[in-house]
PDB file of N, CA and C in Angstrom:
ATOM      1  N   MET A   1     185.619  71.691 -10.680  1.00  0.00           N
ATOM      2  CA  MET A   1     184.833  71.894 -11.874  1.00  0.00           C
ATOM      3  C   MET A   1     185.252  73.219 -12.513  1.00  0.00           C
ATOM      4  N   ALA A   2     185.460  73.209 -13.805  1.00  0.00           N
ATOM      5  CA  ALA A   2     185.896  74.407 -14.521  1.00  0.00           C
ATOM      6  C   ALA A   2     184.725  75.361 -14.699  1.00  0.00           C
ATOM      7  N   PRO A   3     184.987  76.680 -14.689  1.00  0.00           N
ATOM      8  CA  PRO A   3     183.905  77.636 -14.907  1.00  0.00           C
ATOM      9  C   PRO A   3     183.356  77.518 -16.327  1.00  0.00           C
ATOM     10  N   ALA A   4     182.094  77.870 -16.490  1.00  0.00           N
ATOM     11  CA  ALA A   4     181.448  77.796 -17.803  1.00  0.00           C
ATOM     12  C   ALA A   4     182.080  78.790 -18.760  1.00  0.00           C
ATOM     13  N   GLU A   5     182.182  78.392 -19.999  1.00  0.00           N
ATOM     14  CA  GLU A   5     182.658  79.289 -21.047  1.00  0.00           C
ATOM     15  C   GLU A   5     181.589  80.342 -21.294  1.00  0.00           C
ATOM     16  N   PRO A   6     181.967  81.553 -21.699  1.00  0.00           N
ATOM     17  CA  PRO A   6     180.996  82.621 -21.908  1.00  0.00           C
ATOM     18  C   PRO A   6     179.888  82.273 -22.905  1.00  0.00           C
ATOM     19  N   ASP A   7     180.168  81.461 -23.928  1.00  0.00           N
ATOM     20  CA  ASP A   7     179.157  81.144 -24.924  1.00  0.00           C
ATOM     21  C   ASP A   7     178.362  79.886 -24.590  1.00  0.00           C
ATOM     22  N   GLU A   8     178.716  79.212 -23.507  1.00  0.00           N
ATOM     23  CA  GLU A   8     177.999  78.003 -23.112  1.00  0.00           C
ATOM     24  C   GLU A   8     176.617  78.360 -22.586  1.00  0.00           C
ATOM     25  N   ALA A   9     175.646  77.492 -22.834  1.00  0.00           N
ATOM     26  CA  ALA A   9     174.300  77.698 -22.312  1.00  0.00           C
ATOM     27  C   ALA A   9     174.322  77.546 -20.793  1.00  0.00           C
ATOM     28  N   SER A  10     173.519  78.342 -20.130  1.00  0.00           N
ATOM     29  CA  SER A  10     173.460  78.310 -18.681  1.00  0.00           C
ATOM     30  C   SER A  10     172.629  77.129 -18.200  1.00  0.00           C
ATOM     31  N   ASP A  11     172.942  76.639 -17.019  1.00  0.00           N
ATOM     32  CA  ASP A  11     172.153  75.601 -16.387  1.00  0.00           C
ATOM     33  C   ASP A  11     170.998  76.197 -15.586  1.00  0.00           C
ATOM     34  N   LEU A  12     170.919  77.531 -15.528  1.00  0.00           N
ATOM     35  CA  LEU A  12     169.828  78.186 -14.827  1.00  0.00           C
ATOM     36  C   LEU A  12     168.609  78.298 -15.729  1.00  0.00           C
ATOM     37  N   HIS A  13     167.456  78.084 -15.134  1.00  0.00           N
ATOM     38  CA  HIS A  13     166.197  78.220 -15.863  1.00  0.00           C
ATOM     39  C   HIS A  13     165.325  79.230 -15.134  1.00  0.00           C
ATOM     40  N   CYS A  14     164.753  80.154 -15.878  1.00  0.00           N
ATOM     41  CA  CYS A  14     163.853  81.152 -15.314  1.00  0.00           C
ATOM     42  C   CYS A  14     162.421  80.657 -15.439  1.00  0.00           C
ATOM     43  N   ARG A  15     161.719  80.618 -14.345  1.00  0.00           N
ATOM     44  CA  ARG A  15     160.343  80.120 -14.293  1.00  0.00           C
ATOM     45  C   ARG A  15     159.311  81.239 -14.404  1.00  0.00           C
ATOM     46  N   LEU A  16     159.683  82.337 -15.058  1.00  0.00           N
ATOM     47  CA  LEU A  16     158.827  83.515 -15.135  1.00  0.00           C
ATOM     48  C   LEU A  16     157.460  83.204 -15.744  1.00  0.00           C
ATOM     49  N   ASP A  17     157.424  82.443 -16.828  1.00  0.00           N
ATOM     50  CA  ASP A  17     156.148  82.066 -17.457  1.00  0.00           C
ATOM     51  C   ASP A  17     155.209  81.396 -16.456  1.00  0.00           C
ATOM     52  N   GLU A  18     155.741  80.438 -15.734  1.00  0.00           N
ATOM     53  CA  GLU A  18     154.927  79.684 -14.785  1.00  0.00           C
ATOM     54  C   GLU A  18     154.406  80.580 -13.666  1.00  0.00           C
ATOM     55  N   LEU A  19     155.266  81.451 -13.164  1.00  0.00           N
ATOM     56  CA  LEU A  19     154.866  82.330 -12.068  1.00  0.00           C
ATOM     57  C   LEU A  19     153.839  83.359 -12.528  1.00  0.00           C
ATOM     58  N   LEU A  20     154.018  83.893 -13.726  1.00  0.00           N
ATOM     59  CA  LEU A  20     153.044  84.846 -14.263  1.00  0.00           C
ATOM     60  C   LEU A  20     151.687  84.170 -14.445  1.00  0.00           C
ATOM     61  N   GLU A  21     151.691  82.979 -15.022  1.00  0.00           N
ATOM     62  CA  GLU A  21     150.439  82.260 -15.246  1.00  0.00           C
ATOM     63  C   GLU A  21     149.727  81.964 -13.928  1.00  0.00           C
ATOM     64  N   ALA A  22     150.477  81.528 -12.932  1.00  0.00           N
ATOM     65  CA  ALA A  22     149.891  81.201 -11.631  1.00  0.00           C
ATOM     66  C   ALA A  22     149.261  82.423 -10.961  1.00  0.00           C
ATOM     67  N   ARG A  23     149.754  83.608 -11.316  1.00  0.00           N
ATOM     68  CA  ARG A  23     149.256  84.837 -10.701  1.00  0.00           C
ATOM     69  C   ARG A  23     148.292  85.602 -11.617  1.00  0.00           C
ATOM     70  N   GLY A  24     148.066  85.067 -12.811  1.00  0.00           N
ATOM     71  CA  GLY A  24     147.178  85.740 -13.742  1.00  0.00           C
ATOM     72  C   GLY A  24     147.706  87.103 -14.166  1.00  0.00           C
ATOM     73  N   MET A  25     149.013  87.202 -14.290  1.00  0.00           N
ATOM     74  CA  MET A  25     149.651  88.472 -14.624  1.00  0.00           C
ATOM     75  C   MET A  25     150.310  88.371 -15.996  1.00  0.00           C
ATOM     76  N   THR A  26     150.302  89.472 -16.724  1.00  0.00           N
ATOM     77  CA  THR A  26     150.958  89.498 -18.033  1.00  0.00           C
ATOM     78  C   THR A  26     152.386  90.013 -17.891  1.00  0.00           C
ATOM     79  N   LEU A  27     153.186  89.716 -18.888  1.00  0.00           N
ATOM     80  CA  LEU A  27     154.557  90.218 -18.919  1.00  0.00           C
ATOM     81  C   LEU A  27     154.557  91.743 -18.971  1.00  0.00           C
ATOM     82  N   THR A  28     153.595  92.309 -19.695  1.00  0.00           N
ATOM     83  CA  THR A  28     153.477  93.769 -19.796  1.00  0.00           C
ATOM     84  C   THR A  28     153.207  94.384 -18.434  1.00  0.00           C
ATOM     85  N   ARG A  29     152.307  93.786 -17.671  1.00  0.00           N
ATOM     86  CA  ARG A  29     151.992  94.315 -16.332  1.00  0.00           C
ATOM     87  C   ARG A  29     153.194  94.187 -15.412  1.00  0.00           C
ATOM     88  N   LEU A  30     153.908  93.071 -15.478  1.00  0.00           N
ATOM     89  CA  LEU A  30     155.101  92.907 -14.656  1.00  0.00           C
ATOM     90  C   LEU A  30     156.144  93.965 -15.014  1.00  0.00           C
ATOM     91  N   ALA A  31     156.314  94.226 -16.302  1.00  0.00           N
ATOM     92  CA  ALA A  31     157.270  95.250 -16.744  1.00  0.00           C
ATOM     93  C   ALA A  31     156.915  96.609 -16.155  1.00  0.00           C
ATOM     94  N   GLU A  32     155.622  96.930 -16.128  1.00  0.00           N
ATOM     95  CA  GLU A  32     155.176  98.193 -15.530  1.00  0.00           C
ATOM     96  C   GLU A  32     155.499  98.245 -14.040  1.00  0.00           C
ATOM     97  N   LEU A  33     155.236  97.158 -13.341  1.00  0.00           N
ATOM     98  CA  LEU A  33     155.472  97.111 -11.893  1.00  0.00           C
ATOM     99  C   LEU A  33     156.954  97.185 -11.548  1.00  0.00           C
ATOM    100  N   VAL A  34     157.774  96.540 -12.366  1.00  0.00           N
ATOM    101  CA  VAL A  34     159.205  96.435 -12.081  1.00  0.00           C
ATOM    102  C   VAL A  34     159.981  97.637 -12.615  1.00  0.00           C
ATOM    103  N   GLY A  35     159.474  98.235 -13.686  1.00  0.00           N
ATOM    104  CA  GLY A  35     160.156  99.382 -14.265  1.00  0.00           C
ATOM    105  C   GLY A  35     161.243  98.999 -15.256  1.00  0.00           C
ATOM    106  N   VAL A  36     161.052  97.873 -15.933  1.00  0.00           N
ATOM    107  CA  VAL A  36     161.974  97.456 -16.996  1.00  0.00           C
ATOM    108  C   VAL A  36     161.151  97.188 -18.248  1.00  0.00           C
ATOM    109  N   SER A  37     161.821  97.082 -19.373  1.00  0.00           N
ATOM    110  CA  SER A  37     161.102  96.879 -20.627  1.00  0.00           C
ATOM    111  C   SER A  37     160.588  95.446 -20.747  1.00  0.00           C
ATOM    112  N   VAL A  38     159.528  95.315 -21.534  1.00  0.00           N
ATOM    113  CA  VAL A  38     158.989  93.990 -21.833  1.00  0.00           C
ATOM    114  C   VAL A  38     160.054  93.161 -22.540  1.00  0.00           C
ATOM    115  N   VAL A  39     160.822  93.796 -23.403  1.00  0.00           N
ATOM    116  CA  VAL A  39     161.883  93.088 -24.134  1.00  0.00           C
ATOM    117  C   VAL A  39     162.892  92.488 -23.155  1.00  0.00           C
ATOM    118  N   ASN A  40     163.316  93.253 -22.170  1.00  0.00           N
ATOM    119  CA  ASN A  40     164.287  92.731 -21.197  1.00  0.00           C
ATOM    120  C   ASN A  40     163.701  91.578 -20.387  1.00  0.00           C
ATOM    121  N   LEU A  41     162.442  91.681 -20.010  1.00  0.00           N
ATOM    122  CA  LEU A  41     161.814  90.576 -19.280  1.00  0.00           C
ATOM    123  C   LEU A  41     161.654  89.358 -20.178  1.00  0.00           C
ATOM    124  N   SER A  42     161.379  89.584 -21.443  1.00  0.00           N
ATOM    125  CA  SER A  42     161.242  88.482 -22.390  1.00  0.00           C
ATOM    126  C   SER A  42     162.568  87.733 -22.543  1.00  0.00           C
ATOM    127  N   VAL A  43     163.660  88.468 -22.583  1.00  0.00           N
ATOM    128  CA  VAL A  43     164.988  87.849 -22.661  1.00  0.00           C
ATOM    129  C   VAL A  43     165.212  86.959 -21.446  1.00  0.00           C
ATOM    130  N   LEU A  44     164.844  87.457 -20.277  1.00  0.00           N
ATOM    131  CA  LEU A  44     164.979  86.673 -19.046  1.00  0.00           C
ATOM    132  C   LEU A  44     164.061  85.451 -19.087  1.00  0.00           C
ATOM    133  N   LYS A  45     162.821  85.658 -19.479  1.00  0.00           N
ATOM    134  CA  LYS A  45     161.811  84.588 -19.529  1.00  0.00           C
ATOM    135  C   LYS A  45     162.233  83.453 -20.455  1.00  0.00           C
ATOM    136  N   ASN A  46     162.903  83.791 -21.535  1.00  0.00           N
ATOM    137  CA  ASN A  46     163.316  82.797 -22.523  1.00  0.00           C
ATOM    138  C   ASN A  46     164.712  82.234 -22.273  1.00  0.00           C
ATOM    139  N   ASP A  47     165.226  82.441 -21.064  1.00  0.00           N
ATOM    140  CA  ASP A  47     166.532  81.910 -20.653  1.00  0.00           C
ATOM    141  C   ASP A  47     167.668  82.395 -21.550  1.00  0.00           C
ATOM    142  N   ARG A  48     167.573  83.622 -22.027  1.00  0.00           N
ATOM    143  CA  ARG A  48     168.620  84.181 -22.881  1.00  0.00           C
ATOM    144  C   ARG A  48     169.432  85.271 -22.178  1.00  0.00           C
ATOM    145  N   ALA A  49     169.062  85.599 -20.955  1.00  0.00           N
ATOM    146  CA  ALA A  49     169.767  86.652 -20.215  1.00  0.00           C
ATOM    147  C   ALA A  49     171.142  86.154 -19.778  1.00  0.00           C
ATOM    148  N   ARG A  50     172.116  87.018 -19.899  1.00  0.00           N
ATOM    149  CA  ARG A  50     173.466  86.695 -19.439  1.00  0.00           C
ATOM    150  C   ARG A  50     173.732  87.252 -18.048  1.00  0.00           C
ATOM    151  N   ALA A  51     172.914  88.236 -17.658  1.00  0.00           N
ATOM    152  CA  ALA A  51     173.092  88.868 -16.353  1.00  0.00           C
ATOM    153  C   ALA A  51     171.778  89.531 -15.946  1.00  0.00           C
ATOM    154  N   ILE A  52     171.629  89.750 -14.653  1.00  0.00           N
ATOM    155  CA  ILE A  52     170.475  90.489 -14.129  1.00  0.00           C
ATOM    156  C   ILE A  52     170.943  91.259 -12.900  1.00  0.00           C
ATOM    157  N   ARG A  53     170.495  92.479 -12.779  1.00  0.00           N
ATOM    158  CA  ARG A  53     170.843  93.283 -11.604  1.00  0.00           C
ATOM    159  C   ARG A  53     170.084  92.751 -10.395  1.00  0.00           C
ATOM    160  N   PHE A  54     170.739  92.792  -9.257  1.00  0.00           N
ATOM    161  CA  PHE A  54     170.080  92.340  -8.032  1.00  0.00           C
ATOM    162  C   PHE A  54     168.832  93.167  -7.767  1.00  0.00           C
ATOM    163  N   SER A  55     168.870  94.452  -8.053  1.00  0.00           N
ATOM    164  CA  SER A  55     167.704  95.313  -7.814  1.00  0.00           C
ATOM    165  C   SER A  55     166.525  94.892  -8.705  1.00  0.00           C
ATOM    166  N   THR A  56     166.818  94.503  -9.941  1.00  0.00           N
ATOM    167  CA  THR A  56     165.761  94.034 -10.842  1.00  0.00           C
ATOM    168  C   THR A  56     165.215  92.695 -10.369  1.00  0.00           C
ATOM    169  N   LEU A  57     166.102  91.812  -9.971  1.00  0.00           N
ATOM    170  CA  LEU A  57     165.696  90.505  -9.453  1.00  0.00           C
ATOM    171  C   LEU A  57     164.793  90.670  -8.234  1.00  0.00           C
ATOM    172  N   GLN A  58     165.187  91.562  -7.339  1.00  0.00           N
ATOM    173  CA  GLN A  58     164.384  91.816  -6.134  1.00  0.00           C
ATOM    174  C   GLN A  58     163.026  92.411  -6.499  1.00  0.00           C
ATOM    175  N   ALA A  59     163.002  93.329  -7.460  1.00  0.00           N
ATOM    176  CA  ALA A  59     161.747  93.959  -7.874  1.00  0.00           C
ATOM    177  C   ALA A  59     160.805  92.933  -8.501  1.00  0.00           C
ATOM    178  N   ILE A  60     161.343  92.020  -9.294  1.00  0.00           N
ATOM    179  CA  ILE A  60     160.526  90.959  -9.895  1.00  0.00           C
ATOM    180  C   ILE A  60     159.946  90.072  -8.795  1.00  0.00           C
ATOM    181  N   CYS A  61     160.780  89.675  -7.862  1.00  0.00           N
ATOM    182  CA  CYS A  61     160.316  88.820  -6.767  1.00  0.00           C
ATOM    183  C   CYS A  61     159.274  89.533  -5.908  1.00  0.00           C
ATOM    184  N   ASP A  62     159.466  90.816  -5.675  1.00  0.00           N
ATOM    185  CA  ASP A  62     158.479  91.580  -4.902  1.00  0.00           C
ATOM    186  C   ASP A  62     157.143  91.628  -5.638  1.00  0.00           C
ATOM    187  N   ALA A  63     157.185  91.902  -6.936  1.00  0.00           N
ATOM    188  CA  ALA A  63     155.961  92.008  -7.734  1.00  0.00           C
ATOM    189  C   ALA A  63     155.227  90.674  -7.822  1.00  0.00           C
ATOM    190  N   LEU A  64     155.984  89.585  -7.879  1.00  0.00           N
ATOM    191  CA  LEU A  64     155.384  88.252  -7.999  1.00  0.00           C
ATOM    192  C   LEU A  64     155.168  87.579  -6.648  1.00  0.00           C
ATOM    193  N   GLU A  65     155.584  88.259  -5.579  1.00  0.00           N
ATOM    194  CA  GLU A  65     155.486  87.716  -4.223  1.00  0.00           C
ATOM    195  C   GLU A  65     156.092  86.324  -4.157  1.00  0.00           C
ATOM    196  N   CYS A  66     157.352  86.259  -4.574  1.00  0.00           N
ATOM    197  CA  CYS A  66     158.063  84.981  -4.572  1.00  0.00           C
ATOM    198  C   CYS A  66     159.491  85.199  -4.094  1.00  0.00           C
ATOM    199  N   GLU A  67     160.203  84.109  -3.952  1.00  0.00           N
ATOM    200  CA  GLU A  67     161.611  84.133  -3.590  1.00  0.00           C
ATOM    201  C   GLU A  67     162.446  83.915  -4.845  1.00  0.00           C
ATOM    202  N   VAL A  68     163.710  84.290  -4.790  1.00  0.00           N
ATOM    203  CA  VAL A  68     164.610  84.108  -5.920  1.00  0.00           C
ATOM    204  C   VAL A  68     164.624  82.644  -6.357  1.00  0.00           C
ATOM    205  N   GLY A  69     164.615  81.724  -5.415  1.00  0.00           N
ATOM    206  CA  GLY A  69     164.626  80.297  -5.721  1.00  0.00           C
ATOM    207  C   GLY A  69     163.354  79.806  -6.400  1.00  0.00           C
ATOM    208  N   ASP A  70     162.275  80.572  -6.292  1.00  0.00           N
ATOM    209  CA  ASP A  70     161.053  80.234  -7.019  1.00  0.00           C
ATOM    210  C   ASP A  70     161.170  80.660  -8.477  1.00  0.00           C
ATOM    211  N   LEU A  71     161.930  81.722  -8.717  1.00  0.00           N
ATOM    212  CA  LEU A  71     162.071  82.297 -10.049  1.00  0.00           C
ATOM    213  C   LEU A  71     163.181  81.642 -10.862  1.00  0.00           C
ATOM    214  N   LEU A  72     164.318  81.434 -10.230  1.00  0.00           N
ATOM    215  CA  LEU A  72     165.475  80.855 -10.914  1.00  0.00           C
ATOM    216  C   LEU A  72     165.796  79.498 -10.312  1.00  0.00           C
ATOM    217  N   VAL A  73     165.850  78.484 -11.152  1.00  0.00           N
ATOM    218  CA  VAL A  73     166.163  77.137 -10.692  1.00  0.00           C
ATOM    219  C   VAL A  73     167.297  76.555 -11.533  1.00  0.00           C
ATOM    220  N   VAL A  74     168.025  75.640 -10.959  1.00  0.00           N
ATOM    221  CA  VAL A  74     169.122  74.976 -11.667  1.00  0.00           C
ATOM    222  C   VAL A  74     168.556  73.754 -12.372  1.00  0.00           C
ATOM    223  N   ARG A  75     168.861  73.648 -13.641  1.00  0.00           N
ATOM    224  CA  ARG A  75     168.475  72.459 -14.403  1.00  0.00           C
ATOM    225  C   ARG A  75     169.460  71.363 -14.076  1.00  0.00           C
ATOM    226  N   ARG A  76     168.960  70.246 -13.695  1.00  0.00           N
ATOM    227  CA  ARG A  76     169.819  69.096 -13.403  1.00  0.00           C
ATOM    228  C   ARG A  76     170.071  68.338 -14.684  1.00  0.00           C
ATOM    229  N   SER A  77     171.326  68.037 -14.962  1.00  0.00           N
ATOM    230  CA  SER A  77     171.626  67.273 -16.178  1.00  0.00           C
ATOM    231  C   SER A  77     171.207  65.829 -15.966  1.00  0.00           C
ATOM    232  N   ARG A  78     170.736  65.234 -17.028  1.00  0.00           N
ATOM    233  CA  ARG A  78     170.285  63.842 -16.954  1.00  0.00           C
ATOM    234  C   ARG A  78     171.455  62.915 -17.179  1.00  0.00           C
ATOM    235  N   SER A  79     171.532  61.881 -16.390  1.00  0.00           N
ATOM    236  CA  SER A  79     172.573  60.871 -16.567  1.00  0.00           C
ATOM    237  C   SER A  79     172.139  59.922 -17.666  1.00  0.00           C
ATOM    238  N   THR A  80     173.113  59.492 -18.456  1.00  0.00           N
ATOM    239  CA  THR A  80     172.771  58.547 -19.532  1.00  0.00           C
ATOM    240  C   THR A  80     173.305  57.178 -19.233  1.00  0.00           C
TER     241      THR A  80
END
């Protein structure tokens, strides 16, 4: 399988909205806990991030008490 082109949409989906809702936490509060801007978390939440630091990923998972696999999931393409 060929690597994805840089401008291609990612097959990864960030479940940040769902995890925040399940925990009754706001994006603003998560930003405070993690030490990143609300804007950067919003980019991640809306599946627009091109990269994330492992330290940030770990901090998000620690704050949400979840695993990386709970936060980031692969979208399966539908067969036609």
